[in-house]
Amino acid sequence: MMITALPFLLIYLMLNVALSLCDLKRHLLPDALTCPLLWFGLLFNLVCHEARLPQAVLGAIAGYCAFAAVYWGYKLIRKREGLGYGDVKLLAALGAWHGGSLLPCLVTLASALALLTLGVQMARRRSLQAIKNPLPFGPYLAAAGLICGWKNLLILPL
């Protein structure tokens, strides 16, 4: 029985938009949104592309471990957070959808988008104040997930 991928893709988009808006407004990526994104990513790969399930599981683990190492490393060295733990969970969820092989591209693109935004803010204000303010990273991860992973999401029948 072939199950269409469209409902999964709509869930992917809705959860990423909700997470982005929440992070922009409250600097928070709630578990109530990141956890379903992770589980739907695994379910998507199980139901629509069973052969990719091992890569999805490894992607979730790799995403979590990579950003958890950054989170804890920065916190130990600087004695404060440099990355929110919601970002750790969001990268794990994106790894569940796209697999581990896309994570380096995804993180690089998200970082480039965030740096570009900071550069524009600094140029507009003609001040370094922008780099002192917390930057919600979730929207950049979500955008990078769409840009880097669109081919993986659309190879299945809609």
N, C-alpha and C. Protein backbone atom coordinates (compact mmCIF):
# COMPACT_ATOMS: atom_id res chain seq x y z
N MET A 1 0.84 -1.19 0.00
CA MET A 1 0.00 0.00 0.00
C MET A 1 0.89 1.25 0.00
N MET A 2 0.71 2.11 -0.97
CA MET A 2 1.50 3.33 -1.04
C MET A 2 0.79 4.43 -0.26
N ILE A 3 1.49 5.01 0.64
CA ILE A 3 0.94 6.12 1.42
C ILE A 3 1.57 7.40 0.90
N THR A 4 0.74 8.39 0.69
CA THR A 4 1.23 9.65 0.16
C THR A 4 2.08 10.39 1.19
N ALA A 5 3.06 11.12 0.70
CA ALA A 5 3.96 11.87 1.56
C ALA A 5 3.41 13.25 1.90
N LEU A 6 2.37 13.70 1.20
CA LEU A 6 1.86 15.06 1.38
C LEU A 6 1.48 15.40 2.82
N PRO A 7 0.73 14.55 3.53
CA PRO A 7 0.41 14.91 4.92
C PRO A 7 1.66 15.10 5.78
N PHE A 8 2.67 14.28 5.55
CA PHE A 8 3.91 14.42 6.31
C PHE A 8 4.61 15.75 5.99
N LEU A 9 4.61 16.10 4.72
CA LEU A 9 5.26 17.35 4.32
C LEU A 9 4.54 18.56 4.89
N LEU A 10 3.21 18.50 4.94
CA LEU A 10 2.45 19.59 5.54
C LEU A 10 2.75 19.71 7.03
N ILE A 11 2.85 18.58 7.70
CA ILE A 11 3.21 18.59 9.12
C ILE A 11 4.61 19.17 9.30
N TYR A 12 5.54 18.75 8.44
CA TYR A 12 6.92 19.27 8.49
C TYR A 12 6.91 20.80 8.37
N LEU A 13 6.20 21.30 7.37
CA LEU A 13 6.15 22.75 7.15
C LEU A 13 5.48 23.48 8.31
N MET A 14 4.33 22.97 8.76
CA MET A 14 3.60 23.64 9.84
C MET A 14 4.42 23.69 11.13
N LEU A 15 5.05 22.58 11.48
CA LEU A 15 5.84 22.57 12.71
C LEU A 15 7.07 23.48 12.60
N ASN A 16 7.71 23.50 11.44
CA ASN A 16 8.87 24.38 11.27
C ASN A 16 8.48 25.85 11.31
N VAL A 17 7.35 26.20 10.70
CA VAL A 17 6.88 27.58 10.75
C VAL A 17 6.52 27.95 12.19
N ALA A 18 5.80 27.07 12.89
CA ALA A 18 5.42 27.35 14.28
C ALA A 18 6.66 27.50 15.16
N LEU A 19 7.64 26.63 14.98
CA LEU A 19 8.88 26.73 15.75
C LEU A 19 9.62 28.03 15.45
N SER A 20 9.68 28.41 14.20
CA SER A 20 10.37 29.64 13.82
C SER A 20 9.70 30.86 14.44
N LEU A 21 8.38 30.92 14.35
CA LEU A 21 7.65 32.05 14.92
C LEU A 21 7.81 32.11 16.44
N CYS A 22 7.75 30.96 17.07
CA CYS A 22 7.91 30.89 18.53
C CYS A 22 9.31 31.35 18.94
N ASP A 23 10.31 30.92 18.20
CA ASP A 23 11.69 31.31 18.53
C ASP A 23 11.91 32.80 18.30
N LEU A 24 11.35 33.34 17.22
CA LEU A 24 11.48 34.77 16.95
C LEU A 24 10.79 35.61 18.02
N LYS A 25 9.63 35.15 18.46
CA LYS A 25 8.84 35.93 19.42
C LYS A 25 9.31 35.76 20.86
N ARG A 26 9.63 34.52 21.26
CA ARG A 26 9.92 34.24 22.67
C ARG A 26 11.30 33.67 22.93
N HIS A 27 12.11 33.51 21.88
CA HIS A 27 13.43 32.88 22.02
C HIS A 27 13.30 31.52 22.70
N LEU A 28 12.34 30.74 22.20
CA LEU A 28 12.03 29.45 22.80
C LEU A 28 11.60 28.47 21.71
N LEU A 29 12.15 27.27 21.76
CA LEU A 29 11.72 26.18 20.88
C LEU A 29 11.14 25.09 21.78
N PRO A 30 9.83 25.10 21.99
CA PRO A 30 9.23 24.20 22.98
C PRO A 30 9.27 22.73 22.56
N ASP A 31 9.43 21.87 23.56
CA ASP A 31 9.40 20.42 23.34
C ASP A 31 8.09 19.98 22.70
N ALA A 32 7.01 20.71 22.98
CA ALA A 32 5.70 20.35 22.42
C ALA A 32 5.69 20.45 20.90
N LEU A 33 6.67 21.14 20.32
CA LEU A 33 6.79 21.23 18.86
C LEU A 33 8.00 20.48 18.33
N THR A 34 9.13 20.51 19.05
CA THR A 34 10.33 19.84 18.54
C THR A 34 10.20 18.32 18.60
N CYS A 35 9.60 17.81 19.67
CA CYS A 35 9.46 16.34 19.79
C CYS A 35 8.54 15.75 18.72
N PRO A 36 7.37 16.34 18.46
CA PRO A 36 6.56 15.80 17.36
C PRO A 36 7.27 15.90 16.01
N LEU A 37 8.05 16.96 15.80
CA LEU A 37 8.79 17.08 14.54
C LEU A 37 9.76 15.91 14.39
N LEU A 38 10.44 15.56 15.46
CA LEU A 38 11.36 14.42 15.43
C LEU A 38 10.62 13.12 15.14
N TRP A 39 9.54 12.86 15.89
CA TRP A 39 8.82 11.60 15.73
C TRP A 39 8.15 11.49 14.36
N PHE A 40 7.61 12.60 13.85
CA PHE A 40 7.02 12.56 12.51
C PHE A 40 8.10 12.34 11.45
N GLY A 41 9.30 12.84 11.68
CA GLY A 41 10.40 12.58 10.75
C GLY A 41 10.74 11.10 10.68
N LEU A 42 10.81 10.47 11.84
CA LEU A 42 11.08 9.03 11.87
C LEU A 42 9.93 8.25 11.24
N LEU A 43 8.69 8.65 11.56
CA LEU A 43 7.52 7.98 11.01
C LEU A 43 7.45 8.17 9.49
N PHE A 44 7.76 9.37 9.03
CA PHE A 44 7.80 9.65 7.59
C PHE A 44 8.74 8.68 6.88
N ASN A 45 9.93 8.51 7.43
CA ASN A 45 10.89 7.60 6.80
C ASN A 45 10.47 6.14 6.92
N LEU A 46 9.84 5.78 8.02
CA LEU A 46 9.36 4.41 8.18
C LEU A 46 8.25 4.08 7.19
N VAL A 47 7.29 4.99 7.05
CA VAL A 47 6.11 4.74 6.24
C VAL A 47 6.36 4.98 4.75
N CYS A 48 7.04 6.07 4.42
CA CYS A 48 7.18 6.47 3.02
C CYS A 48 8.47 6.00 2.37
N HIS A 49 9.48 5.74 3.15
CA HIS A 49 10.77 5.36 2.55
C HIS A 49 11.54 4.53 3.57
N GLU A 50 11.07 3.31 3.76
CA GLU A 50 11.60 2.44 4.81
C GLU A 50 13.11 2.23 4.73
N ALA A 51 13.66 2.24 3.52
CA ALA A 51 15.10 2.02 3.36
C ALA A 51 15.93 3.14 3.98
N ARG A 52 15.33 4.33 4.14
CA ARG A 52 16.06 5.46 4.73
C ARG A 52 15.93 5.53 6.24
N LEU A 53 15.18 4.64 6.85
CA LEU A 53 14.96 4.71 8.30
C LEU A 53 16.27 4.66 9.10
N PRO A 54 17.21 3.77 8.79
CA PRO A 54 18.47 3.78 9.56
C PRO A 54 19.20 5.13 9.47
N GLN A 55 19.20 5.75 8.29
CA GLN A 55 19.83 7.07 8.16
C GLN A 55 19.09 8.12 8.96
N ALA A 56 17.77 7.98 9.05
CA ALA A 56 16.98 8.93 9.83
C ALA A 56 17.30 8.82 11.31
N VAL A 57 17.39 7.60 11.81
CA VAL A 57 17.73 7.39 13.22
C VAL A 57 19.13 7.92 13.51
N LEU A 58 20.08 7.58 12.64
CA LEU A 58 21.45 8.08 12.82
C LEU A 58 21.51 9.60 12.69
N GLY A 59 20.71 10.16 11.81
CA GLY A 59 20.65 11.61 11.66
C GLY A 59 20.15 12.29 12.92
N ALA A 60 19.13 11.72 13.54
CA ALA A 60 18.61 12.28 14.79
C ALA A 60 19.67 12.22 15.89
N ILE A 61 20.34 11.09 15.99
CA ILE A 61 21.38 10.93 17.01
C ILE A 61 22.54 11.89 16.73
N ALA A 62 22.98 11.96 15.47
CA ALA A 62 24.10 12.83 15.11
C ALA A 62 23.76 14.31 15.35
N GLY A 63 22.56 14.71 14.96
CA GLY A 63 22.14 16.10 15.17
C GLY A 63 22.11 16.46 16.64
N TYR A 64 21.56 15.56 17.44
CA TYR A 64 21.49 15.81 18.87
C TYR A 64 22.90 15.89 19.47
N CYS A 65 23.72 14.91 19.16
CA CYS A 65 25.07 14.85 19.76
C CYS A 65 25.94 16.03 19.33
N ALA A 66 25.85 16.42 18.07
CA ALA A 66 26.67 17.53 17.57
C ALA A 66 26.35 18.83 18.29
N PHE A 67 25.07 19.18 18.36
CA PHE A 67 24.72 20.44 19.01
C PHE A 67 24.77 20.34 20.53
N ALA A 68 24.56 19.16 21.09
CA ALA A 68 24.72 19.01 22.55
C ALA A 68 26.17 19.25 22.93
N ALA A 69 27.10 18.78 22.11
CA ALA A 69 28.53 19.01 22.37
C ALA A 69 28.84 20.51 22.32
N VAL A 70 28.27 21.21 21.34
CA VAL A 70 28.48 22.65 21.24
C VAL A 70 27.86 23.35 22.46
N TYR A 71 26.64 22.96 22.80
CA TYR A 71 25.94 23.56 23.94
C TYR A 71 26.76 23.42 25.22
N TRP A 72 27.15 22.18 25.53
CA TRP A 72 27.86 21.93 26.79
C TRP A 72 29.29 22.46 26.76
N GLY A 73 29.95 22.36 25.62
CA GLY A 73 31.30 22.90 25.51
C GLY A 73 31.34 24.39 25.76
N TYR A 74 30.44 25.11 25.12
CA TYR A 74 30.38 26.57 25.31
C TYR A 74 30.01 26.91 26.74
N LYS A 75 29.05 26.17 27.29
CA LYS A 75 28.60 26.45 28.65
C LYS A 75 29.71 26.20 29.67
N LEU A 76 30.50 25.16 29.46
CA LEU A 76 31.62 24.88 30.37
C LEU A 76 32.71 25.95 30.26
N ILE A 77 32.99 26.40 29.06
CA ILE A 77 34.06 27.37 28.86
C ILE A 77 33.63 28.78 29.26
N ARG A 78 32.45 29.20 28.82
CA ARG A 78 32.00 30.58 29.02
C ARG A 78 31.09 30.78 30.22
N LYS A 79 30.64 29.69 30.84
CA LYS A 79 29.75 29.74 32.01
C LYS A 79 28.39 30.37 31.70
N ARG A 80 27.98 30.27 30.44
CA ARG A 80 26.64 30.73 30.03
C ARG A 80 26.28 30.01 28.74
N GLU A 81 25.01 30.07 28.39
CA GLU A 81 24.55 29.41 27.17
C GLU A 81 24.95 30.21 25.95
N GLY A 82 25.42 29.52 24.94
CA GLY A 82 25.68 30.15 23.65
C GLY A 82 24.71 29.65 22.60
N LEU A 83 24.02 28.59 22.95
CA LEU A 83 23.07 27.93 22.06
C LEU A 83 21.97 27.39 22.95
N GLY A 84 20.73 27.62 22.59
CA GLY A 84 19.64 27.09 23.40
C GLY A 84 19.49 25.59 23.21
N TYR A 85 18.97 24.91 24.23
CA TYR A 85 18.82 23.46 24.12
C TYR A 85 17.70 23.08 23.14
N GLY A 86 16.80 24.01 22.88
CA GLY A 86 15.78 23.77 21.85
C GLY A 86 16.41 23.62 20.47
N ASP A 87 17.51 24.35 20.24
CA ASP A 87 18.23 24.21 18.97
C ASP A 87 18.84 22.82 18.84
N VAL A 88 19.28 22.26 19.96
CA VAL A 88 19.82 20.90 19.97
C VAL A 88 18.74 19.92 19.52
N LYS A 89 17.55 20.07 20.09
CA LYS A 89 16.44 19.17 19.76
C LYS A 89 15.93 19.40 18.33
N LEU A 90 15.96 20.65 17.88
CA LEU A 90 15.53 20.93 16.51
C LEU A 90 16.48 20.30 15.50
N LEU A 91 17.79 20.36 15.75
CA LEU A 91 18.72 19.72 14.82
C LEU A 91 18.54 18.21 14.83
N ALA A 92 18.23 17.64 15.99
CA ALA A 92 17.95 16.20 16.04
C ALA A 92 16.72 15.88 15.19
N ALA A 93 15.69 16.71 15.29
CA ALA A 93 14.47 16.49 14.50
C ALA A 93 14.75 16.62 13.00
N LEU A 94 15.53 17.61 12.63
CA LEU A 94 15.87 17.77 11.21
C LEU A 94 16.72 16.60 10.73
N GLY A 95 17.56 16.07 11.59
CA GLY A 95 18.33 14.88 11.25
C GLY A 95 17.43 13.68 11.02
N ALA A 96 16.32 13.60 11.78
CA ALA A 96 15.37 12.51 11.60
C ALA A 96 14.67 12.61 10.24
N TRP A 97 14.44 13.80 9.77
CA TRP A 97 13.79 13.99 8.48
C TRP A 97 14.76 13.79 7.32
N HIS A 98 15.97 14.32 7.45
CA HIS A 98 16.89 14.39 6.31
C HIS A 98 18.06 13.42 6.37
N GLY A 99 18.29 12.80 7.51
CA GLY A 99 19.44 11.91 7.65
C GLY A 99 20.69 12.70 8.03
N GLY A 100 21.68 11.98 8.49
CA GLY A 100 22.90 12.62 8.98
C GLY A 100 23.76 13.24 7.90
N SER A 101 23.68 12.75 6.69
CA SER A 101 24.58 13.25 5.64
C SER A 101 24.30 14.70 5.26
N LEU A 102 23.08 15.18 5.49
CA LEU A 102 22.76 16.57 5.15
C LEU A 102 23.04 17.55 6.29
N LEU A 103 23.33 17.03 7.48
CA LEU A 103 23.49 17.93 8.63
C LEU A 103 24.64 18.93 8.47
N PRO A 104 25.81 18.54 7.95
CA PRO A 104 26.86 19.56 7.77
C PRO A 104 26.42 20.70 6.84
N CYS A 105 25.77 20.37 5.74
CA CYS A 105 25.26 21.38 4.82
C CYS A 105 24.23 22.26 5.53
N LEU A 106 23.34 21.63 6.26
CA LEU A 106 22.27 22.33 6.94
C LEU A 106 22.82 23.30 7.98
N VAL A 107 23.74 22.86 8.81
CA VAL A 107 24.31 23.72 9.86
C VAL A 107 25.14 24.84 9.24
N THR A 108 25.88 24.54 8.19
CA THR A 108 26.68 25.57 7.52
C THR A 108 25.78 26.65 6.92
N LEU A 109 24.72 26.24 6.24
CA LEU A 109 23.80 27.20 5.64
C LEU A 109 23.08 28.01 6.71
N ALA A 110 22.61 27.36 7.77
CA ALA A 110 21.93 28.08 8.86
C ALA A 110 22.86 29.11 9.48
N SER A 111 24.11 28.74 9.68
CA SER A 111 25.09 29.67 10.25
C SER A 111 25.35 30.84 9.31
N ALA A 112 25.46 30.55 8.02
CA ALA A 112 25.69 31.62 7.04
C ALA A 112 24.51 32.59 6.99
N LEU A 113 23.29 32.05 7.04
CA LEU A 113 22.10 32.91 7.05
C LEU A 113 22.06 33.78 8.30
N ALA A 114 22.40 33.20 9.44
CA ALA A 114 22.42 33.96 10.70
C ALA A 114 23.49 35.05 10.66
N LEU A 115 24.68 34.72 10.16
CA LEU A 115 25.75 35.71 10.05
C LEU A 115 25.39 36.83 9.08
N LEU A 116 24.74 36.48 7.99
CA LEU A 116 24.29 37.48 7.03
C LEU A 116 23.29 38.44 7.69
N THR A 117 22.37 37.88 8.46
CA THR A 117 21.39 38.70 9.18
C THR A 117 22.09 39.63 10.16
N LEU A 118 23.05 39.11 10.91
CA LEU A 118 23.79 39.95 11.85
C LEU A 118 24.56 41.05 11.12
N GLY A 119 25.16 40.71 10.00
CA GLY A 119 25.89 41.71 9.22
C GLY A 119 24.98 42.84 8.75
N VAL A 120 23.80 42.49 8.28
CA VAL A 120 22.84 43.51 7.85
C VAL A 120 22.40 44.36 9.03
N GLN A 121 22.13 43.74 10.18
CA GLN A 121 21.73 44.50 11.37
C GLN A 121 22.84 45.45 11.81
N MET A 122 24.08 44.97 11.79
CA MET A 122 25.20 45.82 12.20
C MET A 122 25.39 46.98 11.22
N ALA A 123 25.22 46.73 9.94
CA ALA A 123 25.38 47.78 8.94
C ALA A 123 24.27 48.82 9.07
N ARG A 124 23.06 48.38 9.33
CA ARG A 124 21.94 49.31 9.48
C ARG A 124 22.09 50.19 10.70
N ARG A 125 22.57 49.61 11.79
CA ARG A 125 22.72 50.36 13.04
C ARG A 125 24.08 51.03 13.17
N ARG A 126 25.00 50.63 12.31
CA ARG A 126 26.38 51.12 12.38
C ARG A 126 26.94 50.97 13.78
N SER A 127 26.68 49.78 14.30
CA SER A 127 27.09 49.49 15.67
C SER A 127 27.31 47.99 15.82
N LEU A 128 28.11 47.63 16.80
CA LEU A 128 28.32 46.21 17.11
C LEU A 128 27.29 45.69 18.11
N GLN A 129 26.30 46.50 18.45
CA GLN A 129 25.29 46.12 19.44
C GLN A 129 24.55 44.85 19.03
N ALA A 130 24.36 44.63 17.74
CA ALA A 130 23.60 43.47 17.26
C ALA A 130 24.22 42.15 17.71
N ILE A 131 25.55 42.09 17.81
CA ILE A 131 26.18 40.83 18.19
C ILE A 131 26.09 40.56 19.68
N LYS A 132 25.68 41.56 20.45
CA LYS A 132 25.54 41.37 21.90
C LYS A 132 24.16 40.84 22.27
N ASN A 133 23.22 40.94 21.35
CA ASN A 133 21.86 40.46 21.61
C ASN A 133 21.73 38.99 21.22
N PRO A 134 20.92 38.23 21.96
CA PRO A 134 20.69 36.83 21.57
C PRO A 134 20.02 36.76 20.20
N LEU A 135 20.44 35.79 19.42
CA LEU A 135 19.88 35.59 18.08
C LEU A 135 19.15 34.26 18.06
N PRO A 136 17.84 34.27 17.82
CA PRO A 136 17.12 32.99 17.72
C PRO A 136 17.62 32.23 16.49
N PHE A 137 18.17 31.04 16.72
CA PHE A 137 18.78 30.27 15.65
C PHE A 137 17.80 29.31 14.97
N GLY A 138 16.68 29.03 15.63
CA GLY A 138 15.68 28.10 15.09
C GLY A 138 15.19 28.43 13.69
N PRO A 139 14.84 29.70 13.41
CA PRO A 139 14.38 30.02 12.06
C PRO A 139 15.42 29.73 10.98
N TYR A 140 16.68 29.92 11.31
CA TYR A 140 17.75 29.66 10.35
C TYR A 140 17.92 28.16 10.12
N LEU A 141 17.79 27.38 11.19
CA LEU A 141 17.84 25.92 11.04
C LEU A 141 16.67 25.43 10.20
N ALA A 142 15.48 25.97 10.47
CA ALA A 142 14.29 25.55 9.72
C ALA A 142 14.42 25.91 8.24
N ALA A 143 14.88 27.12 7.96
CA ALA A 143 15.07 27.54 6.57
C ALA A 143 16.12 26.68 5.88
N ALA A 144 17.21 26.42 6.56
CA ALA A 144 18.27 25.58 5.98
C ALA A 144 17.76 24.16 5.76
N GLY A 145 16.90 23.66 6.65
CA GLY A 145 16.32 22.34 6.47
C GLY A 145 15.51 22.25 5.19
N LEU A 146 14.77 23.31 4.90
CA LEU A 146 13.98 23.34 3.66
C LEU A 146 14.88 23.47 2.44
N ILE A 147 15.87 24.34 2.52
CA ILE A 147 16.74 24.59 1.37
C ILE A 147 17.61 23.37 1.07
N CYS A 148 18.24 22.82 2.10
CA CYS A 148 19.15 21.67 1.88
C CYS A 148 18.39 20.38 1.63
N GLY A 149 17.22 20.23 2.24
CA GLY A 149 16.55 18.94 2.20
C GLY A 149 15.35 18.82 1.29
N TRP A 150 15.08 19.83 0.47
CA TRP A 150 13.86 19.78 -0.33
C TRP A 150 13.84 18.58 -1.27
N LYS A 151 14.98 18.20 -1.81
CA LYS A 151 14.99 17.05 -2.73
C LYS A 151 14.65 15.75 -2.00
N ASN A 152 15.16 15.60 -0.77
CA ASN A 152 14.85 14.40 0.01
C ASN A 152 13.36 14.32 0.33
N LEU A 153 12.74 15.46 0.55
CA LEU A 153 11.33 15.47 0.92
C LEU A 153 10.41 15.24 -0.26
N LEU A 154 10.84 15.60 -1.46
CA LEU A 154 9.95 15.55 -2.61
C LEU A 154 10.21 14.40 -3.58
N ILE A 155 11.04 13.44 -3.21
CA ILE A 155 11.29 12.33 -4.13
C ILE A 155 10.19 11.29 -4.08
N LEU A 156 9.27 11.45 -3.16
CA LEU A 156 8.20 10.46 -3.00
C LEU A 156 6.91 10.97 -3.61
N PRO A 157 6.00 10.06 -3.96
CA PRO A 157 4.72 10.50 -4.53
C PRO A 157 3.93 11.34 -3.54
N LEU A 158 3.43 12.46 -4.02
CA LEU A 158 2.63 13.33 -3.18
C LEU A 158 1.18 12.91 -3.27
